[in-house]
Amino acid sequence: MNNFVKNIMGIFLASILLITMGCASTSKQESAGEYIDDSVITTKVKAAILNDPNLKATEINVETYKGVVQLSGFVADPASAGKAASVTSDVKGVKSVKNDIRVK
């Protein structure tokens, strides 16, 4: 009976180890926690852009991957593109900003 319990515990620990390693992030894949964090950052950035009266939030797209926010879309002038990047960098959790916004 003692060996049976040891075998079951070994299988259990091996399963936990495999599950834990499966949830770890890689350079090309996010863990569930990172995905949720990125979703929160994206939402906060969109809200910050929406709250700025000089920016048209509907014309700016926001994507986040591992804390790096990519802005894309179109704005009326270069100052608006800079303002969008500035507002984004002020959001908690943003590691860096890739500003791909184009001027119409």
Protein backbone atom coordinates (compact mmCIF):
# COMPACT_ATOMS: atom_id res chain seq x y z
CA MET A 1 0.00 0.00 0.00
CA ASN A 2 2.85 2.38 0.78
CA ASN A 3 4.32 2.05 -2.75
CA PHE A 4 0.87 2.67 -4.21
CA VAL A 5 0.58 5.98 -2.32
CA LYS A 6 4.11 6.98 -3.43
CA ASN A 7 3.24 6.22 -7.06
CA ILE A 8 0.03 8.24 -6.88
CA MET A 9 1.89 11.18 -5.27
CA GLY A 10 4.58 10.96 -7.97
CA ILE A 11 1.98 11.05 -10.72
CA PHE A 12 0.20 13.93 -9.01
CA LEU A 13 3.40 15.98 -8.64
CA ALA A 14 4.42 15.27 -12.23
CA SER A 15 0.99 16.42 -13.41
CA ILE A 16 1.24 19.64 -11.41
CA LEU A 17 4.69 20.28 -12.85
CA LEU A 18 3.46 19.77 -16.43
CA ILE A 19 0.47 22.02 -15.87
CA THR A 20 2.64 24.74 -14.34
CA MET A 21 5.13 24.62 -17.19
CA GLY A 22 2.29 24.70 -19.70
CA CYS A 23 1.06 27.99 -18.22
CA ALA A 24 4.46 29.66 -18.32
CA SER A 25 4.90 32.31 -20.96
CA THR A 26 7.35 32.07 -23.80
CA SER A 27 8.69 34.75 -26.08
CA LYS A 28 5.86 34.07 -28.55
CA GLN A 29 3.05 33.10 -26.22
CA GLU A 30 1.43 34.84 -23.26
CA SER A 31 0.35 33.15 -20.08
CA ALA A 32 -3.25 33.56 -18.97
CA GLY A 33 -2.19 36.16 -16.40
CA GLU A 34 -0.25 38.19 -18.94
CA TYR A 35 -3.19 38.08 -21.34
CA ILE A 36 -5.50 39.44 -18.64
CA ASP A 37 -2.96 42.11 -17.66
CA ASP A 38 -2.64 43.17 -21.30
CA SER A 39 -6.44 43.35 -21.62
CA VAL A 40 -6.59 45.61 -18.58
CA ILE A 41 -3.83 47.85 -19.97
CA THR A 42 -5.60 48.06 -23.35
CA THR A 43 -8.85 49.05 -21.64
CA LYS A 44 -7.11 51.71 -19.52
CA VAL A 45 -5.32 53.15 -22.57
CA LYS A 46 -8.57 53.31 -24.56
CA ALA A 47 -10.26 55.06 -21.63
CA ALA A 48 -7.41 57.55 -21.31
CA ILE A 49 -7.56 58.35 -25.04
CA LEU A 50 -11.35 58.63 -24.86
CA ASN A 51 -11.11 61.05 -21.92
CA ASP A 52 -8.78 63.36 -23.84
CA PRO A 53 -10.99 65.92 -25.65
CA ASN A 54 -8.36 66.53 -28.34
CA LEU A 55 -8.21 62.90 -29.50
CA LYS A 56 -10.76 60.95 -31.53
CA ALA A 57 -10.73 57.55 -29.85
CA THR A 58 -12.65 55.91 -32.69
CA GLU A 59 -9.75 56.51 -35.07
CA ILE A 60 -7.02 55.09 -32.79
CA ASN A 61 -6.51 51.35 -32.38
CA VAL A 62 -4.81 49.94 -29.28
CA GLU A 63 -3.14 46.54 -28.94
CA THR A 64 -1.04 45.33 -26.02
CA TYR A 65 1.41 42.45 -25.80
CA LYS A 66 3.41 41.87 -22.62
CA GLY A 67 2.97 45.50 -21.56
CA VAL A 68 4.08 46.95 -24.90
CA VAL A 69 1.27 49.04 -26.37
CA GLN A 70 0.99 49.53 -30.11
CA LEU A 71 -1.06 52.46 -31.33
CA SER A 72 -2.29 52.58 -34.91
CA GLY A 73 -4.87 54.46 -36.92
CA PHE A 74 -5.22 57.98 -38.26
CA VAL A 75 -5.26 61.45 -36.72
CA ALA A 76 -5.63 64.95 -38.14
CA ASP A 77 -2.19 66.28 -37.16
CA PRO A 78 1.20 65.19 -35.81
CA ALA A 79 0.48 66.78 -32.42
CA SER A 80 -2.45 64.39 -31.93
CA ALA A 81 -0.22 61.40 -32.65
CA GLY A 82 2.26 62.63 -30.06
CA LYS A 83 -0.50 63.32 -27.55
CA ALA A 84 -1.89 59.80 -27.96
CA ALA A 85 1.56 58.33 -27.26
CA SER A 86 2.01 60.61 -24.26
CA VAL A 87 -1.38 59.71 -22.79
CA THR A 88 -0.62 56.03 -23.35
CA SER A 89 2.78 56.12 -21.66
CA ASP A 90 1.17 57.63 -18.54
CA VAL A 91 -1.06 54.56 -18.05
CA LYS A 92 0.09 52.27 -15.23
CA GLY A 93 1.49 48.98 -16.53
CA VAL A 94 2.62 50.30 -19.92
CA LYS A 95 6.26 49.27 -20.47
CA SER A 96 6.69 51.01 -23.82
CA VAL A 97 4.68 52.51 -26.67
CA LYS A 98 5.00 51.74 -30.38
CA ASN A 99 3.37 54.66 -32.11
CA ASP A 100 2.24 53.64 -35.60
CA ILE A 101 -0.40 56.37 -35.89
CA ARG A 102 -0.47 58.09 -39.28
CA VAL A 103 -1.51 61.65 -40.10
CA LYS A 104 -4.34 61.94 -42.64
